[in-house]
C-alpha atoms as a PDB file:
ATOM      1  CA  MET A   1       0.000   0.000   0.000  1.00  0.00           C
ATOM      2  CA  LYS A   2       1.174   3.501  -0.777  1.00  0.00           C
ATOM      3  CA  SER A   3       1.417   6.110   1.931  1.00  0.00           C
ATOM      4  CA  ILE A   4      -1.564   8.348   2.536  1.00  0.00           C
ATOM      5  CA  LYS A   5      -1.967  11.660   4.309  1.00  0.00           C
ATOM      6  CA  ILE A   6      -3.581  11.269   7.721  1.00  0.00           C
ATOM      7  CA  GLU A   7      -5.567  14.432   7.008  1.00  0.00           C
ATOM      8  CA  ASP A   8      -7.097  12.735   3.930  1.00  0.00           C
ATOM      9  CA  LEU A   9      -8.084   9.683   5.984  1.00  0.00           C
ATOM     10  CA  ILE A  10      -9.834  11.867   8.529  1.00  0.00           C
ATOM     11  CA  SER A  11     -11.702  13.769   5.814  1.00  0.00           C
ATOM     12  CA  MET A  12     -12.974  10.450   4.365  1.00  0.00           C
ATOM     13  CA  GLU A  13     -14.353   9.171   7.676  1.00  0.00           C
ATOM     14  CA  ASN A  14     -17.933  10.491   7.220  1.00  0.00           C
ATOM     15  CA  ASN A  15     -18.815  10.421  10.941  1.00  0.00           C
ATOM     16  CA  ARG A  16     -17.550   6.867  11.396  1.00  0.00           C
ATOM     17  CA  GLU A  17     -15.598   5.948  14.499  1.00  0.00           C
ATOM     18  CA  GLU A  18     -13.018   3.959  12.523  1.00  0.00           C
ATOM     19  CA  VAL A  19     -11.378   4.026   9.111  1.00  0.00           C
ATOM     20  CA  ASP A  20     -10.167   0.983   7.210  1.00  0.00           C
ATOM     21  CA  VAL A  21      -6.572   1.496   6.110  1.00  0.00           C
ATOM     22  CA  GLY A  22      -5.346  -1.352   3.940  1.00  0.00           C
ATOM     23  CA  GLY A  23      -7.374  -3.875   5.904  1.00  0.00           C
ATOM     24  CA  ILE A  24      -6.434  -2.412   9.300  1.00  0.00           C
ATOM     25  CA  SER A  25      -9.155  -0.708  11.311  1.00  0.00           C
ATOM     26  CA  VAL A  26      -7.919   2.569  12.843  1.00  0.00           C
ATOM     27  CA  PRO A  27      -9.986   4.756  15.211  1.00  0.00           C
ATOM     28  CA  VAL A  28     -10.540   8.261  13.826  1.00  0.00           C
ATOM     29  CA  LEU A  29      -9.795   9.766  17.249  1.00  0.00           C
ATOM     30  CA  LYS A  30      -6.373   8.085  17.177  1.00  0.00           C
ATOM     31  CA  LEU A  31      -5.699   9.547  13.714  1.00  0.00           C
ATOM     32  CA  LYS A  32      -6.591  13.009  14.992  1.00  0.00           C
ATOM     33  CA  LYS A  33      -4.265  12.541  17.978  1.00  0.00           C
ATOM     34  CA  LEU A  34      -1.435  11.423  15.679  1.00  0.00           C
ATOM     35  CA  MET A  35      -1.903  14.602  13.614  1.00  0.00           C
ATOM     36  CA  GLU A  36      -1.806  16.715  16.777  1.00  0.00           C
ATOM     37  CA  ASP A  37       1.465  14.983  17.693  1.00  0.00           C
ATOM     38  CA  GLY A  38       3.033  15.994  14.362  1.00  0.00           C
ATOM     39  CA  TYR A  39       2.507  12.895  12.221  1.00  0.00           C
ATOM     40  CA  ALA A  40       1.328  13.596   8.668  1.00  0.00           C
ATOM     41  CA  GLN A  41       1.701  10.390   6.607  1.00  0.00           C
ATOM     42  CA  LEU A  42       0.620   6.800   7.190  1.00  0.00           C
ATOM     43  CA  ARG A  43       1.383   3.475   5.546  1.00  0.00           C
ATOM     44  CA  ALA A  44      -0.351   0.212   6.498  1.00  0.00           C
ATOM     45  CA  TYR A  45       1.293  -3.208   6.352  1.00  0.00           C
ATOM     46  CA  LYS A  46      -1.552  -5.718   6.219  1.00  0.00           C
ATOM     47  CA  LYS A  47       0.638  -8.827   6.432  1.00  0.00           C
ATOM     48  CA  ASN A  48       1.949  -8.029   9.916  1.00  0.00           C
ATOM     49  CA  ARG A  49      -0.980  -5.763  10.966  1.00  0.00           C
ATOM     50  CA  THR A  50       1.197  -2.704  11.588  1.00  0.00           C
ATOM     51  CA  VAL A  51       1.056   0.943  10.581  1.00  0.00           C
ATOM     52  CA  SER A  52       3.990   3.294  10.167  1.00  0.00           C
ATOM     53  CA  VAL A  53       3.462   7.021  10.586  1.00  0.00           C
ATOM     54  CA  TRP A  54       5.793   9.947  10.093  1.00  0.00           C
ATOM     55  CA  GLY A  55       5.989  13.710   9.965  1.00  0.00           C
ATOM     56  CA  LYS A  56       8.720  16.317   9.503  1.00  0.00           C
ATOM     57  CA  THR A  57      10.364  15.588  12.852  1.00  0.00           C
ATOM     58  CA  CYS A  58       8.922  12.265  14.012  1.00  0.00           C
ATOM     59  CA  SER A  59       8.281   8.667  12.979  1.00  0.00           C
ATOM     60  CA  ALA A  60       6.765   5.610  14.642  1.00  0.00           C
ATOM     61  CA  CYS A  61       5.325   2.171  14.023  1.00  0.00           C
ATOM     62  CA  PHE A  62       2.217   0.827  15.743  1.00  0.00           C
ATOM     63  CA  THR A  63       0.416  -2.496  15.806  1.00  0.00           C
ATOM     64  CA  GLU A  64      -3.302  -2.537  15.149  1.00  0.00           C
ATOM     65  CA  GLN A  65      -3.807  -3.369  18.838  1.00  0.00           C
ATOM     66  CA  GLN A  66      -1.815  -0.317  19.921  1.00  0.00           C
ATOM     67  CA  LEU A  67      -3.857   1.943  17.649  1.00  0.00           C
ATOM     68  CA  ARG A  68      -7.078   0.525  19.014  1.00  0.00           C
ATOM     69  CA  GLY A  69      -5.877   0.944  22.599  1.00  0.00           C
ATOM     70  CA  LYS A  70      -5.908  -2.759  23.402  1.00  0.00           C
ATOM     71  CA  LYS A  71      -3.116  -4.464  25.279  1.00  0.00           C
ATOM     72  CA  SER A  72      -1.515  -7.537  23.813  1.00  0.00           C
ATOM     73  CA  ARG A  73      -0.753 -10.512  26.032  1.00  0.00           C
ATOM     74  CA  ASN A  74       2.889  -9.408  26.073  1.00  0.00           C
ATOM     75  CA  GLN A  75       1.948  -5.999  27.510  1.00  0.00           C
ATOM     76  CA  GLU A  76      -0.175  -7.339  30.406  1.00  0.00           C
END
């Protein structure tokens, strides 16, 4: 999947609570928080259920569980 602007994802949400990004369900509130934190681009990796995000001065990678606010068994 190509990268997409987080702002574009938010504008496509149409009052939904979540947006499907390459087969990964991401809460719109989390996308808005990522934008506030300086992230601008997103790329989803369906095979390993992760999302990478980056901006001018930051970058990160999250699992689908992290984006949805759920703890994995390893985090408990």
